[in-house]
PDB file of all heavy atoms in Angstrom:
ATOM      1  N   ALA A   1      -9.344   6.787  21.247  1.00  0.00           N
ATOM      2  CA  ALA A   1     -10.563   6.940  20.382  1.00  0.00           C
ATOM      3  C   ALA A   1     -10.192   7.446  18.942  1.00  0.00           C
ATOM      4  O   ALA A   1     -10.916   7.160  17.995  1.00  0.00           O
ATOM      5  CB  ALA A   1     -11.518   7.927  20.994  1.00  0.00           C
ATOM      6  N   ALA A   2      -9.038   8.102  18.805  1.00  0.00           N
ATOM      7  CA  ALA A   2      -8.662   8.715  17.513  1.00  0.00           C
ATOM      8  C   ALA A   2      -7.757   7.840  16.684  1.00  0.00           C
ATOM      9  O   ALA A   2      -7.772   7.932  15.458  1.00  0.00           O
ATOM     10  CB  ALA A   2      -8.076  10.090  17.714  1.00  0.00           C
ATOM     11  N   THR A   3      -6.916   7.078  17.291  1.00  0.00           N
ATOM     12  CA  THR A   3      -5.872   6.411  16.508  1.00  0.00           C
ATOM     13  C   THR A   3      -5.407   5.105  17.149  1.00  0.00           C
ATOM     14  O   THR A   3      -5.627   4.887  18.367  1.00  0.00           O
ATOM     15  CB  THR A   3      -4.624   7.351  16.382  1.00  0.00           C
ATOM     16  OG1 THR A   3      -3.735   6.811  15.423  1.00  0.00           O
ATOM     17  CG2 THR A   3      -3.946   7.577  17.656  1.00  0.00           C
ATOM     18  N   LYS A   4      -4.838   4.233  16.349  1.00  0.00           N
ATOM     19  CA  LYS A   4      -4.189   2.999  16.796  1.00  0.00           C
ATOM     20  C   LYS A   4      -2.809   3.007  16.166  1.00  0.00           C
ATOM     21  O   LYS A   4      -2.615   3.288  15.000  1.00  0.00           O
ATOM     22  CB  LYS A   4      -4.967   1.773  16.317  1.00  0.00           C
ATOM     23  CG  LYS A   4      -6.356   1.682  16.882  1.00  0.00           C
ATOM     24  CD  LYS A   4      -7.033   0.352  16.605  1.00  0.00           C
ATOM     25  CE  LYS A   4      -6.992  -0.183  15.213  1.00  0.00           C
ATOM     26  NZ  LYS A   4      -7.771  -1.371  14.977  1.00  0.00           N
ATOM     27  N   VAL A   5      -1.829   2.521  16.952  1.00  0.00           N
ATOM     28  CA  VAL A   5      -0.413   2.453  16.493  1.00  0.00           C
ATOM     29  C   VAL A   5       0.166   1.114  16.878  1.00  0.00           C
ATOM     30  O   VAL A   5      -0.206   0.536  17.901  1.00  0.00           O
ATOM     31  CB  VAL A   5       0.407   3.616  16.963  1.00  0.00           C
ATOM     32  CG1 VAL A   5      -0.139   4.967  16.541  1.00  0.00           C
ATOM     33  CG2 VAL A   5       0.633   3.565  18.440  1.00  0.00           C
ATOM     34  N   ALA A   6       1.197   0.755  16.124  1.00  0.00           N
ATOM     35  CA  ALA A   6       2.027  -0.418  16.484  1.00  0.00           C
ATOM     36  C   ALA A   6       3.488  -0.084  16.153  1.00  0.00           C
ATOM     37  O   ALA A   6       3.725   0.450  15.069  1.00  0.00           O
ATOM     38  CB  ALA A   6       1.582  -1.689  15.746  1.00  0.00           C
ATOM     39  N   TYR A   7       4.399  -0.354  17.096  1.00  0.00           N
ATOM     40  CA  TYR A   7       5.793  -0.159  16.850  1.00  0.00           C
ATOM     41  C   TYR A   7       6.383  -1.585  16.737  1.00  0.00           C
ATOM     42  O   TYR A   7       6.088  -2.445  17.548  1.00  0.00           O
ATOM     43  CB  TYR A   7       6.531   0.538  17.974  1.00  0.00           C
ATOM     44  CG  TYR A   7       6.232   2.019  18.142  1.00  0.00           C
ATOM     45  CD1 TYR A   7       5.372   2.755  17.313  1.00  0.00           C
ATOM     46  CD2 TYR A   7       6.888   2.686  19.102  1.00  0.00           C
ATOM     47  CE1 TYR A   7       5.142   4.072  17.529  1.00  0.00           C
ATOM     48  CE2 TYR A   7       6.690   4.065  19.312  1.00  0.00           C
ATOM     49  CZ  TYR A   7       5.822   4.761  18.524  1.00  0.00           C
ATOM     50  OH  TYR A   7       5.618   6.103  18.712  1.00  0.00           O
ATOM     51  N   LEU A   8       7.230  -1.745  15.754  1.00  0.00           N
ATOM     52  CA  LEU A   8       7.850  -3.037  15.562  1.00  0.00           C
ATOM     53  C   LEU A   8       9.362  -2.931  15.460  1.00  0.00           C
ATOM     54  O   LEU A   8       9.862  -1.850  15.013  1.00  0.00           O
ATOM     55  CB  LEU A   8       7.310  -3.732  14.292  1.00  0.00           C
ATOM     56  CG  LEU A   8       5.836  -4.126  14.306  1.00  0.00           C
ATOM     57  CD1 LEU A   8       4.929  -3.032  13.842  1.00  0.00           C
ATOM     58  CD2 LEU A   8       5.639  -5.374  13.505  1.00  0.00           C
ATOM     59  N   GLU A   9      10.056  -3.996  15.810  1.00  0.00           N
ATOM     60  CA  GLU A   9      11.517  -4.091  15.673  1.00  0.00           C
ATOM     61  C   GLU A   9      11.753  -5.040  14.513  1.00  0.00           C
ATOM     62  O   GLU A   9      11.051  -5.990  14.293  1.00  0.00           O
ATOM     63  CB  GLU A   9      12.187  -4.687  16.911  1.00  0.00           C
ATOM     64  CG  GLU A   9      12.141  -3.798  18.118  1.00  0.00           C
ATOM     65  CD  GLU A   9      12.753  -4.501  19.354  1.00  0.00           C
ATOM     66  OE1 GLU A   9      12.651  -5.770  19.463  1.00  0.00           O
ATOM     67  OE2 GLU A   9      13.271  -3.758  20.189  1.00  0.00           O
ATOM     68  N   ALA A  10      12.794  -4.742  13.751  1.00  0.00           N
ATOM     69  CA  ALA A  10      13.229  -5.590  12.653  1.00  0.00           C
ATOM     70  C   ALA A  10      14.562  -6.222  13.019  1.00  0.00           C
ATOM     71  O   ALA A  10      15.389  -5.543  13.614  1.00  0.00           O
ATOM     72  CB  ALA A  10      13.311  -4.811  11.310  1.00  0.00           C
ATOM     73  N   PRO A  11      14.761  -7.503  12.715  1.00  0.00           N
ATOM     74  CA  PRO A  11      16.027  -8.120  13.004  1.00  0.00           C
ATOM     75  C   PRO A  11      17.204  -7.363  12.350  1.00  0.00           C
ATOM     76  O   PRO A  11      17.062  -6.941  11.199  1.00  0.00           O
ATOM     77  CB  PRO A  11      15.898  -9.496  12.389  1.00  0.00           C
ATOM     78  CG  PRO A  11      14.458  -9.691  12.081  1.00  0.00           C
ATOM     79  CD  PRO A  11      13.840  -8.351  11.945  1.00  0.00           C
ATOM     80  N   GLY A  12      18.227  -7.113  13.164  1.00  0.00           N
ATOM     81  CA  GLY A  12      19.427  -6.420  12.621  1.00  0.00           C
ATOM     82  C   GLY A  12      19.288  -4.921  12.494  1.00  0.00           C
ATOM     83  O   GLY A  12      20.221  -4.279  11.973  1.00  0.00           O
ATOM     84  N   GLU A  13      18.168  -4.334  12.922  1.00  0.00           N
ATOM     85  CA  GLU A  13      17.960  -2.902  12.820  1.00  0.00           C
ATOM     86  C   GLU A  13      17.845  -2.304  14.233  1.00  0.00           C
ATOM     87  O   GLU A  13      16.805  -1.796  14.624  1.00  0.00           O
ATOM     88  CB  GLU A  13      16.706  -2.602  12.012  1.00  0.00           C
ATOM     89  CG  GLU A  13      16.772  -3.005  10.596  1.00  0.00           C
ATOM     90  CD  GLU A  13      17.704  -2.144   9.768  1.00  0.00           C
ATOM     91  OE1 GLU A  13      17.949  -0.995  10.115  1.00  0.00           O
ATOM     92  OE2 GLU A  13      18.152  -2.652   8.770  1.00  0.00           O
ATOM     93  N   LYS A  14      18.931  -2.298  14.985  1.00  0.00           N
ATOM     94  CA  LYS A  14      18.916  -1.791  16.337  1.00  0.00           C
ATOM     95  C   LYS A  14      18.799  -0.258  16.343  1.00  0.00           C
ATOM     96  O   LYS A  14      19.383   0.375  15.510  1.00  0.00           O
ATOM     97  CB  LYS A  14      20.162  -2.247  17.100  1.00  0.00           C
ATOM     98  CG  LYS A  14      20.176  -3.702  17.386  1.00  0.00           C
ATOM     99  CD  LYS A  14      21.159  -4.065  18.461  1.00  0.00           C
ATOM    100  CE  LYS A  14      21.149  -5.527  18.704  1.00  0.00           C
ATOM    101  NZ  LYS A  14      20.307  -5.951  19.765  1.00  0.00           N
ATOM    102  N   GLY A  15      18.114   0.292  17.309  1.00  0.00           N
ATOM    103  CA  GLY A  15      18.053   1.684  17.500  1.00  0.00           C
ATOM    104  C   GLY A  15      16.963   2.430  16.795  1.00  0.00           C
ATOM    105  O   GLY A  15      16.813   3.634  16.995  1.00  0.00           O
ATOM    106  N   VAL A  16      16.215   1.772  15.947  1.00  0.00           N
ATOM    107  CA  VAL A  16      15.050   2.402  15.279  1.00  0.00           C
ATOM    108  C   VAL A  16      13.859   1.448  15.273  1.00  0.00           C
ATOM    109  O   VAL A  16      14.045   0.248  15.097  1.00  0.00           O
ATOM    110  CB  VAL A  16      15.410   2.885  13.861  1.00  0.00           C
ATOM    111  CG1 VAL A  16      15.656   1.772  12.902  1.00  0.00           C
ATOM    112  CG2 VAL A  16      14.309   3.810  13.319  1.00  0.00           C
ATOM    113  N   LEU A  17      12.706   1.998  15.523  1.00  0.00           N
ATOM    114  CA  LEU A  17      11.493   1.239  15.436  1.00  0.00           C
ATOM    115  C   LEU A  17      10.739   1.597  14.166  1.00  0.00           C
ATOM    116  O   LEU A  17      10.944   2.667  13.567  1.00  0.00           O
ATOM    117  CB  LEU A  17      10.609   1.526  16.672  1.00  0.00           C
ATOM    118  CG  LEU A  17      11.196   1.077  18.030  1.00  0.00           C
ATOM    119  CD1 LEU A  17      10.346   1.576  19.153  1.00  0.00           C
ATOM    120  CD2 LEU A  17      11.377  -0.453  18.048  1.00  0.00           C
ATOM    121  N   PHE A  18       9.867   0.705  13.748  1.00  0.00           N
ATOM    122  CA  PHE A  18       9.009   0.920  12.618  1.00  0.00           C
ATOM    123  C   PHE A  18       7.581   1.007  13.092  1.00  0.00           C
ATOM    124  O   PHE A  18       7.148   0.066  13.728  1.00  0.00           O
ATOM    125  CB  PHE A  18       9.220  -0.225  11.582  1.00  0.00           C
ATOM    126  CG  PHE A  18      10.664  -0.334  11.155  1.00  0.00           C
ATOM    127  CD1 PHE A  18      11.583  -1.062  11.886  1.00  0.00           C
ATOM    128  CD2 PHE A  18      11.103   0.373  10.052  1.00  0.00           C
ATOM    129  CE1 PHE A  18      12.925  -1.141  11.472  1.00  0.00           C
ATOM    130  CE2 PHE A  18      12.418   0.331   9.653  1.00  0.00           C
ATOM    131  CZ  PHE A  18      13.337  -0.445  10.355  1.00  0.00           C
ATOM    132  N   GLU A  19       6.920   2.104  12.799  1.00  0.00           N
ATOM    133  CA  GLU A  19       5.584   2.335  13.292  1.00  0.00           C
ATOM    134  C   GLU A  19       4.614   2.268  12.173  1.00  0.00           C
ATOM    135  O   GLU A  19       4.831   2.796  11.069  1.00  0.00           O
ATOM    136  CB  GLU A  19       5.490   3.689  13.988  1.00  0.00           C
ATOM    137  CG  GLU A  19       4.120   4.043  14.524  1.00  0.00           C
ATOM    138  CD  GLU A  19       3.946   5.380  15.111  1.00  0.00           C
ATOM    139  OE1 GLU A  19       4.737   6.306  14.750  1.00  0.00           O
ATOM    140  OE2 GLU A  19       3.052   5.617  15.899  1.00  0.00           O
ATOM    141  N   PHE A  20       3.401   1.738  12.465  1.00  0.00           N
ATOM    142  CA  PHE A  20       2.261   1.826  11.558  1.00  0.00           C
ATOM    143  C   PHE A  20       1.127   2.458  12.306  1.00  0.00           C
ATOM    144  O   PHE A  20       0.879   2.222  13.498  1.00  0.00           O
ATOM    145  CB  PHE A  20       1.897   0.419  11.083  1.00  0.00           C
ATOM    146  CG  PHE A  20       2.994  -0.271  10.330  1.00  0.00           C
ATOM    147  CD1 PHE A  20       3.752  -1.250  10.905  1.00  0.00           C
ATOM    148  CD2 PHE A  20       3.327   0.108   9.040  1.00  0.00           C
ATOM    149  CE1 PHE A  20       4.824  -1.861  10.236  1.00  0.00           C
ATOM    150  CE2 PHE A  20       4.366  -0.450   8.343  1.00  0.00           C
ATOM    151  CZ  PHE A  20       5.089  -1.509   8.927  1.00  0.00           C
ATOM    152  N   ILE A  21       0.427   3.357  11.619  1.00  0.00           N
ATOM    153  CA  ILE A  21      -0.585   4.229  12.188  1.00  0.00           C
ATOM    154  C   ILE A  21      -1.880   4.091  11.491  1.00  0.00           C
ATOM    155  O   ILE A  21      -1.936   4.180  10.242  1.00  0.00           O
ATOM    156  CB  ILE A  21      -0.148   5.712  12.191  1.00  0.00           C
ATOM    157  CG1 ILE A  21       1.247   5.887  12.711  1.00  0.00           C
ATOM    158  CG2 ILE A  21      -1.199   6.613  12.858  1.00  0.00           C
ATOM    159  CD1 ILE A  21       1.905   7.229  12.303  1.00  0.00           C
ATOM    160  N   GLU A  22      -2.957   3.878  12.227  1.00  0.00           N
ATOM    161  CA  GLU A  22      -4.316   3.801  11.668  1.00  0.00           C
ATOM    162  C   GLU A  22      -5.226   4.766  12.442  1.00  0.00           C
ATOM    163  O   GLU A  22      -5.203   4.764  13.666  1.00  0.00           O
ATOM    164  CB  GLU A  22      -4.869   2.388  11.713  1.00  0.00           C
ATOM    165  CG  GLU A  22      -6.306   2.294  11.193  1.00  0.00           C
ATOM    166  CD  GLU A  22      -6.938   0.943  11.469  1.00  0.00           C
ATOM    167  OE1 GLU A  22      -6.224  -0.061  11.688  1.00  0.00           O
ATOM    168  OE2 GLU A  22      -8.213   0.855  11.514  1.00  0.00           O
ATOM    169  N   GLY A  23      -6.022   5.505  11.732  1.00  0.00           N
ATOM    170  CA  GLY A  23      -6.965   6.401  12.350  1.00  0.00           C
ATOM    171  C   GLY A  23      -7.799   7.125  11.315  1.00  0.00           C
ATOM    172  O   GLY A  23      -7.239   7.592  10.366  1.00  0.00           O
ATOM    173  N   GLU A  24      -9.094   7.235  11.569  1.00  0.00           N
ATOM    174  CA  GLU A  24      -9.985   7.894  10.604  1.00  0.00           C
ATOM    175  C   GLU A  24      -9.515   9.297  10.276  1.00  0.00           C
ATOM    176  O   GLU A  24      -9.479   9.707   9.126  1.00  0.00           O
ATOM    177  CB  GLU A  24     -11.401   7.898  11.135  1.00  0.00           C
ATOM    178  CG  GLU A  24     -12.103   6.558  10.916  1.00  0.00           C
ATOM    179  CD  GLU A  24     -13.577   6.642  11.249  1.00  0.00           C
ATOM    180  OE1 GLU A  24     -14.193   7.675  10.895  1.00  0.00           O
ATOM    181  OE2 GLU A  24     -14.087   5.672  11.762  1.00  0.00           O
ATOM    182  N   GLY A  25      -9.170  10.108  11.316  1.00  0.00           N
ATOM    183  CA  GLY A  25      -8.796  11.478  11.102  1.00  0.00           C
ATOM    184  C   GLY A  25      -7.338  11.655  10.827  1.00  0.00           C
ATOM    185  O   GLY A  25      -6.910  12.735  10.391  1.00  0.00           O
ATOM    186  N   THR A  26      -6.559  10.609  10.983  1.00  0.00           N
ATOM    187  CA  THR A  26      -5.070  10.785  10.808  1.00  0.00           C
ATOM    188  C   THR A  26      -4.714  11.084   9.392  1.00  0.00           C
ATOM    189  O   THR A  26      -3.915  11.930   9.149  1.00  0.00           O
ATOM    190  CB  THR A  26      -4.370   9.452  11.281  1.00  0.00           C
ATOM    191  OG1 THR A  26      -4.763   9.201  12.659  1.00  0.00           O
ATOM    192  CG2 THR A  26      -2.867   9.614  11.211  1.00  0.00           C
ATOM    193  N   ARG A  27      -5.301  10.366   8.376  1.00  0.00           N
ATOM    194  CA  ARG A  27      -4.962  10.629   7.030  1.00  0.00           C
ATOM    195  C   ARG A  27      -5.343  12.070   6.640  1.00  0.00           C
ATOM    196  O   ARG A  27      -4.582  12.739   5.973  1.00  0.00           O
ATOM    197  CB  ARG A  27      -5.640   9.651   6.086  1.00  0.00           C
ATOM    198  CG  ARG A  27      -5.138   9.684   4.679  1.00  0.00           C
ATOM    199  CD  ARG A  27      -5.491   8.477   3.845  1.00  0.00           C
ATOM    200  NE  ARG A  27      -5.061   7.193   4.432  1.00  0.00           N
ATOM    201  CZ  ARG A  27      -3.841   6.649   4.244  1.00  0.00           C
ATOM    202  NH1 ARG A  27      -2.916   7.326   3.636  1.00  0.00           N
ATOM    203  NH2 ARG A  27      -3.550   5.480   4.805  1.00  0.00           N
ATOM    204  N   GLN A  28      -6.495  12.528   7.124  1.00  0.00           N
ATOM    205  CA  GLN A  28      -6.891  13.906   6.814  1.00  0.00           C
ATOM    206  C   GLN A  28      -5.959  14.889   7.485  1.00  0.00           C
ATOM    207  O   GLN A  28      -5.609  15.931   6.900  1.00  0.00           O
ATOM    208  CB  GLN A  28      -8.327  14.136   7.329  1.00  0.00           C
ATOM    209  CG  GLN A  28      -8.917  15.485   6.912  1.00  0.00           C
ATOM    210  CD  GLN A  28      -8.980  15.648   5.374  1.00  0.00           C
ATOM    211  OE1 GLN A  28      -9.234  14.687   4.615  1.00  0.00           O
ATOM    212  NE2 GLN A  28      -8.762  16.853   4.896  1.00  0.00           N
ATOM    213  N   LEU A  29      -5.469  14.615   8.713  1.00  0.00           N
ATOM    214  CA  LEU A  29      -4.508  15.470   9.394  1.00  0.00           C
ATOM    215  C   LEU A  29      -3.225  15.597   8.562  1.00  0.00           C
ATOM    216  O   LEU A  29      -2.713  16.693   8.416  1.00  0.00           O
ATOM    217  CB  LEU A  29      -4.190  14.887  10.760  1.00  0.00           C
ATOM    218  CG  LEU A  29      -3.076  15.595  11.551  1.00  0.00           C
ATOM    219  CD1 LEU A  29      -3.563  16.985  12.039  1.00  0.00           C
ATOM    220  CD2 LEU A  29      -2.698  14.747  12.767  1.00  0.00           C
ATOM    221  N   PHE A  30      -2.805  14.498   7.948  1.00  0.00           N
ATOM    222  CA  PHE A  30      -1.604  14.528   7.083  1.00  0.00           C
ATOM    223  C   PHE A  30      -1.851  15.354   5.847  1.00  0.00           C
ATOM    224  O   PHE A  30      -0.981  16.171   5.463  1.00  0.00           O
ATOM    225  CB  PHE A  30      -1.167  13.088   6.725  1.00  0.00           C
ATOM    226  CG  PHE A  30      -0.239  12.474   7.705  1.00  0.00           C
ATOM    227  CD1 PHE A  30      -0.637  12.063   8.967  1.00  0.00           C
ATOM    228  CD2 PHE A  30       1.082  12.271   7.357  1.00  0.00           C
ATOM    229  CE1 PHE A  30       0.192  11.479   9.833  1.00  0.00           C
ATOM    230  CE2 PHE A  30       1.982  11.706   8.253  1.00  0.00           C
ATOM    231  CZ  PHE A  30       1.541  11.313   9.518  1.00  0.00           C
ATOM    232  N   ILE A  31      -3.002  15.180   5.229  1.00  0.00           N
ATOM    233  CA  ILE A  31      -3.319  15.968   4.001  1.00  0.00           C
ATOM    234  C   ILE A  31      -3.343  17.437   4.342  1.00  0.00           C
ATOM    235  O   ILE A  31      -2.695  18.274   3.582  1.00  0.00           O
ATOM    236  CB  ILE A  31      -4.704  15.535   3.441  1.00  0.00           C
ATOM    237  CG1 ILE A  31      -4.562  14.109   2.852  1.00  0.00           C
ATOM    238  CG2 ILE A  31      -5.180  16.492   2.388  1.00  0.00           C
ATOM    239  CD1 ILE A  31      -5.879  13.414   2.517  1.00  0.00           C
ATOM    240  N   GLU A  32      -4.009  17.804   5.427  1.00  0.00           N
ATOM    241  CA  GLU A  32      -4.065  19.234   5.781  1.00  0.00           C
ATOM    242  C   GLU A  32      -2.726  19.780   6.258  1.00  0.00           C
ATOM    243  O   GLU A  32      -2.354  20.898   5.932  1.00  0.00           O
ATOM    244  CB  GLU A  32      -5.134  19.431   6.920  1.00  0.00           C
ATOM    245  CG  GLU A  32      -6.523  19.162   6.437  1.00  0.00           C
ATOM    246  CD  GLU A  32      -7.568  19.113   7.577  1.00  0.00           C
ATOM    247  OE1 GLU A  32      -7.170  19.390   8.757  1.00  0.00           O
ATOM    248  OE2 GLU A  32      -8.712  18.771   7.290  1.00  0.00           O
ATOM    249  N   GLY A  33      -1.946  18.995   6.960  1.00  0.00           N
ATOM    250  CA  GLY A  33      -0.635  19.433   7.419  1.00  0.00           C
ATOM    251  C   GLY A  33       0.329  19.635   6.261  1.00  0.00           C
ATOM    252  O   GLY A  33       1.116  20.605   6.248  1.00  0.00           O
ATOM    253  N   ARG A  34       0.328  18.710   5.303  1.00  0.00           N
ATOM    254  CA  ARG A  34       1.194  18.916   4.122  1.00  0.00           C
ATOM    255  C   ARG A  34       0.836  20.186   3.363  1.00  0.00           C
ATOM    256  O   ARG A  34       1.700  20.937   2.928  1.00  0.00           O
ATOM    257  CB  ARG A  34       1.075  17.644   3.218  1.00  0.00           C
ATOM    258  CG  ARG A  34       1.673  16.435   3.785  1.00  0.00           C
ATOM    259  CD  ARG A  34       1.339  15.196   2.944  1.00  0.00           C
ATOM    260  NE  ARG A  34       2.034  14.016   3.459  1.00  0.00           N
ATOM    261  CZ  ARG A  34       1.572  12.794   3.387  1.00  0.00           C
ATOM    262  NH1 ARG A  34       0.354  12.555   2.809  1.00  0.00           N
ATOM    263  NH2 ARG A  34       2.226  11.799   3.896  1.00  0.00           N
ATOM    264  N   ALA A  35      -0.485  20.416   3.199  1.00  0.00           N
ATOM    265  CA  ALA A  35      -0.921  21.607   2.440  1.00  0.00           C
ATOM    266  C   ALA A  35      -0.521  22.851   3.215  1.00  0.00           C
ATOM    267  O   ALA A  35      -0.071  23.820   2.631  1.00  0.00           O
ATOM    268  CB  ALA A  35      -2.436  21.523   2.214  1.00  0.00           C
ATOM    269  N   ALA A  36      -0.688  22.843   4.542  1.00  0.00           N
ATOM    270  CA  ALA A  36      -0.345  24.044   5.351  1.00  0.00           C
ATOM    271  C   ALA A  36       1.152  24.336   5.243  1.00  0.00           C
ATOM    272  O   ALA A  36       1.515  25.515   5.161  1.00  0.00           O
ATOM    273  CB  ALA A  36      -0.809  23.849   6.773  1.00  0.00           C
ATOM    274  N   ALA A  37       1.990  23.296   5.297  1.00  0.00           N
ATOM    275  CA  ALA A  37       3.433  23.509   5.253  1.00  0.00           C
ATOM    276  C   ALA A  37       3.841  24.140   3.930  1.00  0.00           C
ATOM    277  O   ALA A  37       4.767  24.912   3.885  1.00  0.00           O
ATOM    278  CB  ALA A  37       4.126  22.179   5.481  1.00  0.00           C
ATOM    279  N   LYS A  38       3.172  23.760   2.789  1.00  0.00           N
ATOM    280  CA  LYS A  38       3.556  24.246   1.521  1.00  0.00           C
ATOM    281  C   LYS A  38       3.265  25.713   1.334  1.00  0.00           C
ATOM    282  O   LYS A  38       3.899  26.368   0.542  1.00  0.00           O
ATOM    283  CB  LYS A  38       2.907  23.402   0.401  1.00  0.00           C
ATOM    284  CG  LYS A  38       3.491  22.026   0.369  1.00  0.00           C
ATOM    285  CD  LYS A  38       2.811  21.174  -0.694  1.00  0.00           C
ATOM    286  CE  LYS A  38       3.515  19.793  -0.695  1.00  0.00           C
ATOM    287  NZ  LYS A  38       2.776  18.783  -1.361  1.00  0.00           N
ATOM    288  N   THR A  39       2.299  26.237   2.104  1.00  0.00           N
ATOM    289  CA  THR A  39       1.927  27.625   1.898  1.00  0.00           C
ATOM    290  C   THR A  39       2.229  28.488   3.163  1.00  0.00           C
ATOM    291  O   THR A  39       1.843  29.648   3.194  1.00  0.00           O
ATOM    292  CB  THR A  39       0.376  27.725   1.602  1.00  0.00           C
ATOM    293  OG1 THR A  39      -0.328  27.179   2.697  1.00  0.00           O
ATOM    294  CG2 THR A  39       0.058  26.988   0.324  1.00  0.00           C
ATOM    295  N   TRP A  40       2.903  27.905   4.150  1.00  0.00           N
ATOM    296  CA  TRP A  40       3.144  28.600   5.370  1.00  0.00           C
ATOM    297  C   TRP A  40       4.047  29.811   5.177  1.00  0.00           C
ATOM    298  O   TRP A  40       5.122  29.719   4.583  1.00  0.00           O
ATOM    299  CB  TRP A  40       3.708  27.636   6.412  1.00  0.00           C
ATOM    300  CG  TRP A  40       3.945  28.180   7.800  1.00  0.00           C
ATOM    301  CD1 TRP A  40       2.934  28.792   8.556  1.00  0.00           C
ATOM    302  CD2 TRP A  40       5.056  28.213   8.557  1.00  0.00           C
ATOM    303  NE1 TRP A  40       3.432  29.159   9.748  1.00  0.00           N
ATOM    304  CE2 TRP A  40       4.769  28.846   9.811  1.00  0.00           C
ATOM    305  CE3 TRP A  40       6.363  27.773   8.328  1.00  0.00           C
ATOM    306  CZ2 TRP A  40       5.686  28.981  10.764  1.00  0.00           C
ATOM    307  CZ3 TRP A  40       7.328  27.928   9.352  1.00  0.00           C
ATOM    308  CH2 TRP A  40       6.967  28.569  10.555  1.00  0.00           C
ATOM    309  N   ASP A  41       3.640  30.961   5.697  1.00  0.00           N
ATOM    310  CA  ASP A  41       4.387  32.217   5.579  1.00  0.00           C
ATOM    311  C   ASP A  41       5.141  32.588   6.848  1.00  0.00           C
ATOM    312  O   ASP A  41       5.707  33.681   6.939  1.00  0.00           O
ATOM    313  CB  ASP A  41       3.449  33.338   5.138  1.00  0.00           C
ATOM    314  CG  ASP A  41       2.414  33.631   6.200  1.00  0.00           C
ATOM    315  OD1 ASP A  41       2.400  33.018   7.281  1.00  0.00           O
ATOM    316  OD2 ASP A  41       1.536  34.539   5.900  1.00  0.00           O
TER     317      ASP A  41
END
């Protein structure tokens, strides 16, 4: 209900996947998380 993701492989790039993330609250979570990390004591 909160998010959709897709993992993809790229030719010649073994061992790592490329993920794309969509979700209404996800972008806000990132904004809040970045801000919290910058001021975390």
